[in-house]
Protein backbone atom coordinates (compact mmCIF):
# COMPACT_ATOMS: atom_id res chain seq x y z
CA MET A 1 -41.67 274.79 -23.27
CA THR A 2 -41.38 271.81 -20.97
CA THR A 3 -38.34 269.59 -20.62
CA THR A 4 -38.26 266.02 -19.48
CA THR A 5 -35.38 264.23 -17.85
CA THR A 6 -34.77 260.60 -18.72
CA LYS A 7 -34.37 258.56 -15.58
CA ALA A 8 -31.23 256.53 -15.12
CA GLN A 9 -31.54 252.84 -15.83
CA TYR A 10 -30.86 251.86 -12.21
CA VAL A 11 -33.73 254.10 -11.05
CA LEU A 12 -36.11 252.32 -13.43
CA VAL A 13 -34.95 248.98 -12.02
CA LEU A 14 -35.63 250.12 -8.45
CA GLU A 15 -39.01 251.58 -9.36
CA LYS A 16 -40.06 248.37 -11.10
CA LEU A 17 -39.01 246.27 -8.12
CA TYR A 18 -40.92 248.59 -5.77
CA GLU A 19 -44.06 248.33 -7.89
CA ASN A 20 -43.77 244.54 -8.02
CA LYS A 21 -43.53 244.35 -4.24
CA LYS A 22 -46.50 246.68 -3.84
CA HIS A 23 -48.48 244.56 -6.29
CA LYS A 24 -47.85 241.48 -4.14
CA ASN A 25 -48.49 243.36 -0.89
CA ALA A 26 -50.62 246.52 -1.09
CA SER A 27 -49.39 247.65 2.34
CA PHE A 28 -45.74 247.54 1.29
CA SER A 29 -44.48 251.11 1.79
CA LEU A 30 -41.62 253.22 0.53
CA ARG A 31 -40.22 253.13 4.05
CA ALA A 32 -40.19 249.32 4.00
CA PHE A 33 -38.52 249.33 0.57
CA SER A 34 -35.87 251.82 1.72
CA ARG A 35 -35.11 249.63 4.76
CA TYR A 36 -34.79 246.62 2.44
CA LEU A 37 -32.27 248.55 0.30
CA GLY A 38 -30.42 249.97 3.30
CA LEU A 39 -31.24 253.60 2.43
CA ALA A 40 -32.95 256.39 4.29
CA GLU A 41 -36.52 256.90 3.11
CA THR A 42 -35.82 260.53 2.21
CA VAL A 43 -32.80 259.49 0.12
CA LEU A 44 -34.81 256.91 -1.83
CA SER A 45 -37.66 259.37 -2.33
CA ASP A 46 -35.25 261.96 -3.72
CA ILE A 47 -33.69 259.35 -6.03
CA PHE A 48 -37.10 258.46 -7.45
CA ARG A 49 -37.85 262.16 -7.99
CA GLY A 50 -34.50 262.73 -9.70
CA ASN A 51 -33.28 265.09 -7.01
CA ARG A 52 -30.42 262.91 -5.80
CA HIS A 53 -28.03 260.27 -7.14
CA LEU A 54 -27.57 256.86 -5.58
CA PRO A 55 -24.30 256.88 -3.61
CA LYS A 56 -21.71 254.71 -5.33
CA ASN A 57 -20.75 253.04 -2.06
CA LYS A 58 -24.34 251.77 -1.69
CA ALA A 59 -24.75 250.58 -5.27
CA LYS A 60 -22.79 247.33 -4.84
CA GLU A 61 -24.64 246.49 -1.62
CA ILE A 62 -27.98 246.97 -3.38
CA VAL A 63 -26.89 244.86 -6.37
CA GLU A 64 -26.14 241.98 -3.97
CA LYS A 65 -29.58 242.27 -2.38
CA LEU A 66 -31.34 242.35 -5.74
CA GLU A 67 -29.52 239.18 -6.88
CA LEU A 68 -29.18 240.40 -10.47
CA SER A 69 -27.50 238.46 -13.25
CA PRO A 70 -23.92 239.55 -14.04
CA LYS A 71 -25.11 241.51 -17.07
CA GLU A 72 -27.94 243.20 -15.16
CA ALA A 73 -25.62 243.97 -12.25
CA GLN A 74 -23.05 245.54 -14.59
CA GLN A 75 -25.75 247.64 -16.25
CA PHE A 76 -27.00 248.77 -12.84
CA LEU A 77 -23.52 249.74 -11.61
CA SER A 78 -22.61 251.39 -14.92
CA SER A 79 -25.78 253.45 -14.74
CA VAL A 80 -24.86 254.63 -11.25
CA GLU A 81 -21.28 255.36 -12.33
CA ALA A 82 -22.47 257.34 -15.34
CA GLU A 83 -24.41 259.69 -13.09
CA HIS A 84 -21.29 260.46 -11.10
CA LEU A 85 -19.09 261.13 -14.10
CA SER A 86 -18.97 264.33 -16.07
CA ILE A 87 -19.62 264.10 -19.80
CA ASN A 88 -15.93 264.71 -20.53
CA ALA A 89 -14.77 262.09 -18.05
CA LEU A 90 -17.28 259.59 -19.42
CA SER A 91 -16.10 260.14 -22.98
CA LYS A 92 -12.53 259.39 -21.93
CA GLU A 93 -13.42 256.02 -20.44
CA LYS A 94 -11.89 253.24 -22.54
CA PRO A 95 -13.47 249.82 -22.58
CA LYS A 96 -11.38 247.16 -20.91
CA ILE A 97 -11.52 244.19 -23.25
CA GLN A 98 -10.52 241.57 -20.67
CA GLU A 99 -13.15 242.80 -18.20
CA PHE A 100 -15.78 242.70 -20.94
CA LEU A 101 -14.87 239.15 -21.92
CA THR A 102 -14.92 238.05 -18.27
CA LEU A 103 -18.34 239.64 -17.81
CA GLU A 104 -19.63 238.03 -21.01
CA LEU A 105 -18.42 234.59 -19.89
CA SER A 106 -19.91 235.03 -16.42
CA ASP A 107 -23.23 236.03 -17.94
CA LEU A 108 -23.15 233.03 -20.27
CA ASN A 109 -22.49 230.66 -17.37
CA TYR A 110 -25.25 232.35 -15.37
CA GLU A 111 -27.66 231.75 -18.27
CA ILE A 112 -26.74 228.07 -18.43
CA ILE A 113 -27.05 227.42 -14.70
CA ALA A 114 -30.14 229.55 -14.13
CA HIS A 115 -32.19 227.94 -16.92
CA ASN A 116 -32.21 224.17 -16.56
CA ILE A 117 -33.15 223.61 -20.21
CA HIS A 118 -29.39 223.51 -20.84
CA TYR A 119 -28.76 220.60 -18.47
CA THR A 120 -31.97 218.97 -19.66
CA PHE A 121 -30.47 218.97 -23.14
CA LEU A 122 -27.19 217.49 -21.87
CA SER A 123 -29.23 214.66 -20.32
CA LEU A 124 -31.17 214.29 -23.57
CA LEU A 125 -27.90 213.40 -25.30
CA ASP A 126 -27.64 210.34 -23.03
CA LEU A 127 -30.97 208.87 -24.12
CA ASP A 128 -30.70 205.58 -25.96
CA ILE A 129 -33.37 206.83 -28.36
CA PHE A 130 -31.67 210.19 -29.04
CA GLU A 131 -32.10 211.51 -32.57
CA ASN A 132 -29.72 214.12 -33.93
CA ASP A 133 -32.58 215.99 -35.56
CA PRO A 134 -33.65 219.56 -34.63
CA GLU A 135 -37.32 218.71 -35.12
CA TRP A 136 -37.11 215.72 -32.78
CA MET A 137 -35.03 217.57 -30.18
CA SER A 138 -37.30 220.63 -30.06
CA GLN A 139 -40.44 218.51 -29.76
CA LYS A 140 -38.90 216.35 -27.05
CA LEU A 141 -37.85 219.41 -25.05
CA LYS A 142 -41.12 221.26 -25.72
CA ILE A 143 -39.29 224.31 -27.09
CA THR A 144 -39.13 226.03 -30.47
CA LYS A 145 -36.31 225.45 -32.96
CA GLU A 146 -35.15 229.01 -32.30
CA GLU A 147 -34.93 228.29 -28.58
CA LEU A 148 -33.10 225.02 -29.30
CA SER A 149 -30.60 226.90 -31.46
CA LYS A 150 -29.92 229.32 -28.57
CA VAL A 151 -29.41 226.44 -26.14
CA LEU A 152 -26.92 224.77 -28.50
CA GLN A 153 -25.12 228.06 -29.02
CA ASN A 154 -24.77 228.65 -25.27
CA LEU A 155 -23.55 225.12 -24.56
CA GLU A 156 -21.03 225.22 -27.41
CA ARG A 157 -19.67 228.65 -26.39
CA ALA A 158 -19.28 227.40 -22.82
CA GLY A 159 -17.41 224.34 -24.05
CA LEU A 160 -19.98 221.86 -22.72
CA ILE A 161 -20.68 220.35 -26.14
CA GLN A 162 -18.87 220.05 -29.46
CA ILE A 163 -20.65 220.21 -32.82
CA ASN A 164 -18.79 218.67 -35.75
CA ASP A 165 -20.54 217.90 -39.05
CA ASN A 166 -23.85 218.49 -37.24
CA LYS A 167 -22.99 215.75 -34.73
CA ILE A 168 -23.34 216.82 -31.09
CA THR A 169 -21.13 215.35 -28.38
CA LYS A 170 -20.72 216.19 -24.68
CA THR A 171 -17.34 217.31 -23.37
CA TYR A 172 -18.09 216.67 -19.66
CA LYS A 173 -16.39 219.96 -18.84
CA ASP A 174 -17.28 221.77 -15.59
CA LEU A 175 -18.40 225.39 -15.61
CA GLU A 176 -16.08 227.77 -13.79
CA THR A 177 -18.26 230.47 -12.28
CA PRO A 178 -17.49 233.05 -9.55
CA GLN A 179 -19.16 232.14 -6.25
CA ASP A 180 -21.51 235.13 -6.21
CA VAL A 181 -22.64 234.47 -9.79
CA SER A 182 -23.06 230.74 -9.14
CA SER A 183 -25.13 231.33 -5.99
CA LYS A 184 -27.54 233.70 -7.76
CA ALA A 185 -27.82 231.41 -10.77
CA ILE A 186 -28.58 228.39 -8.59
CA LYS A 187 -31.33 230.31 -6.80
CA ALA A 188 -32.83 231.25 -10.16
CA SER A 189 -32.61 227.60 -11.24
CA HIS A 190 -34.42 226.46 -8.10
CA GLU A 191 -37.19 228.98 -8.73
CA GLU A 192 -37.59 227.70 -12.28
CA THR A 193 -37.64 224.10 -11.03
CA LEU A 194 -40.44 224.94 -8.58
CA GLU A 195 -42.47 226.57 -11.35
CA LYS A 196 -42.03 223.51 -13.57
CA ALA A 197 -43.07 221.26 -10.69
CA LYS A 198 -46.32 223.23 -10.35
CA LEU A 199 -47.02 222.72 -14.04
CA ALA A 200 -46.14 219.02 -13.89
CA LEU A 201 -48.62 218.54 -11.06
CA HIS A 202 -51.44 219.27 -13.51
CA GLU A 203 -49.85 218.17 -16.78
CA PHE A 204 -48.92 214.56 -15.99
CA ASP A 205 -50.95 211.65 -14.63
CA VAL A 206 -50.01 210.36 -11.19
CA GLU A 207 -48.36 207.29 -12.77
CA LEU A 208 -45.65 209.58 -14.19
CA ARG A 209 -44.98 211.76 -11.16
CA TYR A 210 -44.51 211.55 -7.42
CA PHE A 211 -45.23 214.43 -5.06
CA ALA A 212 -44.93 213.94 -1.30
CA SER A 213 -44.18 216.01 1.78
CA GLN A 214 -43.39 215.34 5.42
CA THR A 215 -43.43 217.74 8.35
CA MET A 216 -41.08 216.97 11.22
CA CYS A 217 -39.64 218.44 14.40
CA LEU A 218 -35.88 218.61 14.64
CA ASN A 219 -32.82 220.12 16.26
CA LEU A 220 -30.92 222.54 14.05
CA ASN A 221 -27.71 220.60 14.66
CA LYS A 222 -29.14 217.73 12.59
CA ILE A 223 -29.65 219.77 9.43
CA GLU A 224 -26.27 218.94 7.89
CA HIS A 225 -26.86 215.24 8.49
CA ALA A 226 -30.26 215.52 6.78
CA LYS A 227 -28.63 217.23 3.78
CA LYS A 228 -26.02 214.48 3.60
CA LEU A 229 -28.72 211.79 3.51
CA MET A 230 -30.64 213.63 0.78
CA ARG A 231 -27.48 214.08 -1.32
CA GLU A 232 -26.68 210.39 -1.01
CA PHE A 233 -30.24 209.41 -1.95
CA ARG A 234 -30.25 211.76 -4.95
CA LEU A 235 -27.01 210.33 -6.33
CA LYS A 236 -28.01 206.73 -5.63
CA LEU A 237 -31.38 207.15 -7.35
CA ALA A 238 -29.76 208.80 -10.39
CA GLU A 239 -27.24 205.96 -10.67
CA LEU A 240 -30.03 203.37 -10.47
CA MET A 241 -32.29 205.12 -12.98
CA GLU A 242 -29.52 205.78 -15.52
CA SER A 243 -28.15 202.23 -15.57
CA SER A 244 -29.07 200.56 -18.87
CA GLY A 245 -27.47 197.16 -18.88
CA GLU A 246 -30.67 195.42 -19.93
CA GLN A 247 -32.89 195.98 -22.95
CA GLU A 248 -35.92 196.78 -20.82
CA ALA A 249 -33.91 199.45 -19.02
CA LYS A 250 -33.34 201.50 -22.18
CA LYS A 251 -33.22 205.22 -21.34
CA GLU A 252 -36.23 206.87 -23.01
CA GLU A 253 -37.09 210.09 -21.15
CA VAL A 254 -35.53 212.83 -19.02
CA PHE A 255 -37.00 213.34 -15.53
CA MET A 256 -36.31 215.84 -12.75
CA LEU A 257 -35.87 214.93 -9.09
CA ALA A 258 -36.28 218.00 -6.88
CA MET A 259 -36.19 218.04 -3.09
CA GLN A 260 -36.98 220.94 -0.77
CA PHE A 261 -36.16 221.04 2.94
CA TYR A 262 -36.92 224.28 4.77
CA PRO A 263 -38.30 225.72 8.05
CA LEU A 264 -42.04 226.12 8.54
CA THR A 265 -41.64 228.09 11.77
CA ASN A 266 -39.72 231.25 12.67
CA ILE A 267 -36.16 230.40 13.58
CA THR A 268 -35.68 231.55 17.15
CA HIS A 269 -32.33 229.90 17.75
CA GLN A 270 -29.39 230.05 15.36
CA LYS A 271 -26.55 227.56 15.63
């Protein structure tokens, strides 16, 4: 009779990440992956084989490197914790309601920030041609009615919209998100924006889009000034585009302005 041991959830997460990295780079080794995680190669190998548990003091460090959502991070850490608890000790653990609600709220805010369909919808509400009709909204956003329902549910739970008698209004409330959650969510949002930009490059005629790039040499001390100029331009352009004092300036569509500014060479001198 043979017995099989179910691997802990965090082990499956690490194995999947390792396989993804190997798929992108066939020469990516277990040694390289262990260095990335901050573990000894023998320790990681034993964890994959089920011969060793991930040390709890390393779990939080690894979660930060993996940039997981709050829910995924909690599942990862809980999986590690479960391995270090006896069955009796685990059964005595009582759920902490306030911690659960905080986690749920953080995960909701992460979902809203990471997936820009939510802010696209908030902008949709400002269109002069907006129609309070699920069919119109879903077609305009290029999503299903089920996806639209989820977006509305998330925004209402977060307090960003109010729905009364099927009428949707914005509250102009700001999301309060822990810094670590916000940072990870913003990175995920940027990745999604880049993917959408790639699709737009082929989907829309040149009259409806503008793609341009500029290489330049600079001193690292000028980076903050460059960011300031780009922020000012972004806000000024948005103000100009969203003004609708004249009939011909009626707001009809939602567009995305995305700017990227990054090094093309290895940074040999840090400020």
